[in-house]
Amino acid sequence: MLDRLEGKKVVGLKQSLKAIKNGSGKTVYVAKDADIKIYDQIKSAAEENSLEIILVDTMKELGRLCGIDVGAATAVIIDE
């Protein structure tokens, strides 16, 4: 697995949904242990915009991949 997500990114549900919906998202990451409501919202938005969803084992691991000290339910790599 990766040590860190490469490129410019946004972290968290609101910022991720915003990036996906405005077309700047490239790749979507979601933690497997994220709340099902969060997963459903992100999945729906990603499918509408034909984006790949990559599942990460835990929110803690996704947070680490994003370079933050707390867990993250979702993150999106965005166009720069």
C-alpha atoms as a PDB file:
ATOM      1  CA  MET A   1       0.000   0.000   0.000  1.00  0.00           C
ATOM      2  CA  LEU A   2       0.971   3.613  -0.312  1.00  0.00           C
ATOM      3  CA  ASP A   3       2.817   5.602   2.318  1.00  0.00           C
ATOM      4  CA  ARG A   4       1.037   8.807   1.349  1.00  0.00           C
ATOM      5  CA  LEU A   5      -1.545   9.950  -1.187  1.00  0.00           C
ATOM      6  CA  GLU A   6       0.201  11.862  -3.973  1.00  0.00           C
ATOM      7  CA  GLY A   7      -1.073  15.136  -5.352  1.00  0.00           C
ATOM      8  CA  LYS A   8      -3.425  17.815  -4.158  1.00  0.00           C
ATOM      9  CA  LYS A   9      -6.293  16.439  -2.097  1.00  0.00           C
ATOM     10  CA  VAL A  10      -9.296  17.343  -0.011  1.00  0.00           C
ATOM     11  CA  VAL A  11     -10.285  15.422   3.116  1.00  0.00           C
ATOM     12  CA  GLY A  12     -13.683  14.954   4.712  1.00  0.00           C
ATOM     13  CA  LEU A  13     -17.219  14.461   3.495  1.00  0.00           C
ATOM     14  CA  LYS A  14     -18.215  18.038   2.635  1.00  0.00           C
ATOM     15  CA  GLN A  15     -15.006  18.897   0.799  1.00  0.00           C
ATOM     16  CA  SER A  16     -14.956  15.541  -0.988  1.00  0.00           C
ATOM     17  CA  LEU A  17     -18.546  15.902  -2.207  1.00  0.00           C
ATOM     18  CA  LYS A  18     -17.838  19.443  -3.364  1.00  0.00           C
ATOM     19  CA  ALA A  19     -14.759  18.336  -5.338  1.00  0.00           C
ATOM     20  CA  ILE A  20     -16.621  15.419  -6.920  1.00  0.00           C
ATOM     21  CA  LYS A  21     -19.668  17.465  -7.879  1.00  0.00           C
ATOM     22  CA  ASN A  22     -17.712  20.378  -9.376  1.00  0.00           C
ATOM     23  CA  GLY A  23     -15.722  17.999 -11.563  1.00  0.00           C
ATOM     24  CA  SER A  24     -12.275  18.553 -10.047  1.00  0.00           C
ATOM     25  CA  GLY A  25     -12.042  15.096  -8.424  1.00  0.00           C
ATOM     26  CA  LYS A  26      -9.862  12.400  -9.992  1.00  0.00           C
ATOM     27  CA  THR A  27      -9.766   9.532  -7.471  1.00  0.00           C
ATOM     28  CA  VAL A  28     -11.969   8.942  -4.433  1.00  0.00           C
ATOM     29  CA  TYR A  29     -10.754   7.163  -1.284  1.00  0.00           C
ATOM     30  CA  VAL A  30     -13.196   5.868   1.340  1.00  0.00           C
ATOM     31  CA  ALA A  31     -12.434   4.086   4.605  1.00  0.00           C
ATOM     32  CA  LYS A  32     -14.142   0.697   4.939  1.00  0.00           C
ATOM     33  CA  ASP A  33     -15.125   1.542   8.519  1.00  0.00           C
ATOM     34  CA  ALA A  34     -16.724   4.879   7.584  1.00  0.00           C
ATOM     35  CA  ASP A  35     -20.396   5.367   8.406  1.00  0.00           C
ATOM     36  CA  ILE A  36     -22.628   3.763   5.758  1.00  0.00           C
ATOM     37  CA  LYS A  37     -24.411   7.100   5.162  1.00  0.00           C
ATOM     38  CA  ILE A  38     -21.090   8.711   4.247  1.00  0.00           C
ATOM     39  CA  TYR A  39     -20.176   5.810   1.981  1.00  0.00           C
ATOM     40  CA  ASP A  40     -23.549   5.940   0.217  1.00  0.00           C
ATOM     41  CA  GLN A  41     -23.289   9.696  -0.445  1.00  0.00           C
ATOM     42  CA  ILE A  42     -19.746   9.444  -1.772  1.00  0.00           C
ATOM     43  CA  LYS A  43     -20.521   6.347  -3.863  1.00  0.00           C
ATOM     44  CA  SER A  44     -23.528   8.003  -5.467  1.00  0.00           C
ATOM     45  CA  ALA A  45     -21.612  11.189  -6.323  1.00  0.00           C
ATOM     46  CA  ALA A  46     -18.593   9.260  -7.623  1.00  0.00           C
ATOM     47  CA  GLU A  47     -20.750   7.044  -9.860  1.00  0.00           C
ATOM     48  CA  GLU A  48     -22.544  10.093 -11.297  1.00  0.00           C
ATOM     49  CA  ASN A  49     -19.162  11.556 -12.236  1.00  0.00           C
ATOM     50  CA  SER A  50     -17.547   8.261 -13.348  1.00  0.00           C
ATOM     51  CA  LEU A  51     -14.847   8.334 -10.679  1.00  0.00           C
ATOM     52  CA  GLU A  52     -13.027   5.328  -9.285  1.00  0.00           C
ATOM     53  CA  ILE A  53     -13.520   4.555  -5.592  1.00  0.00           C
ATOM     54  CA  ILE A  54     -10.605   3.024  -3.705  1.00  0.00           C
ATOM     55  CA  LEU A  55     -11.381   1.473  -0.331  1.00  0.00           C
ATOM     56  CA  VAL A  56      -8.893   1.858   2.522  1.00  0.00           C
ATOM     57  CA  ASP A  57      -9.088  -0.507   5.518  1.00  0.00           C
ATOM     58  CA  THR A  58      -9.611   2.060   8.293  1.00  0.00           C
ATOM     59  CA  MET A  59     -10.279   5.741   8.840  1.00  0.00           C
ATOM     60  CA  LYS A  60      -7.069   5.906  10.867  1.00  0.00           C
ATOM     61  CA  GLU A  61      -5.072   4.553   7.913  1.00  0.00           C
ATOM     62  CA  LEU A  62      -6.741   6.971   5.463  1.00  0.00           C
ATOM     63  CA  GLY A  63      -5.947   9.871   7.783  1.00  0.00           C
ATOM     64  CA  ARG A  64      -2.309   8.759   7.893  1.00  0.00           C
ATOM     65  CA  LEU A  65      -2.227   8.509   4.081  1.00  0.00           C
ATOM     66  CA  CYS A  66      -3.538  12.074   3.930  1.00  0.00           C
ATOM     67  CA  GLY A  67      -0.831  13.288   6.313  1.00  0.00           C
ATOM     68  CA  ILE A  68      -3.163  14.162   9.184  1.00  0.00           C
ATOM     69  CA  ASP A  69      -3.144  12.943  12.780  1.00  0.00           C
ATOM     70  CA  VAL A  70      -6.831  12.019  12.917  1.00  0.00           C
ATOM     71  CA  GLY A  71      -8.952   9.524  11.033  1.00  0.00           C
ATOM     72  CA  ALA A  72     -10.604  10.429   7.748  1.00  0.00           C
ATOM     73  CA  ALA A  73     -13.724   8.818   6.313  1.00  0.00           C
ATOM     74  CA  THR A  74     -13.089  10.049   2.783  1.00  0.00           C
ATOM     75  CA  ALA A  75     -10.562  11.909   0.659  1.00  0.00           C
ATOM     76  CA  VAL A  76     -10.406  12.950  -2.992  1.00  0.00           C
ATOM     77  CA  ILE A  77      -7.377  13.587  -5.182  1.00  0.00           C
ATOM     78  CA  ILE A  78      -8.158  16.692  -7.228  1.00  0.00           C
ATOM     79  CA  ASP A  79      -6.907  18.262 -10.438  1.00  0.00           C
ATOM     80  CA  GLU A  80      -4.414  21.001  -9.786  1.00  0.00           C
END
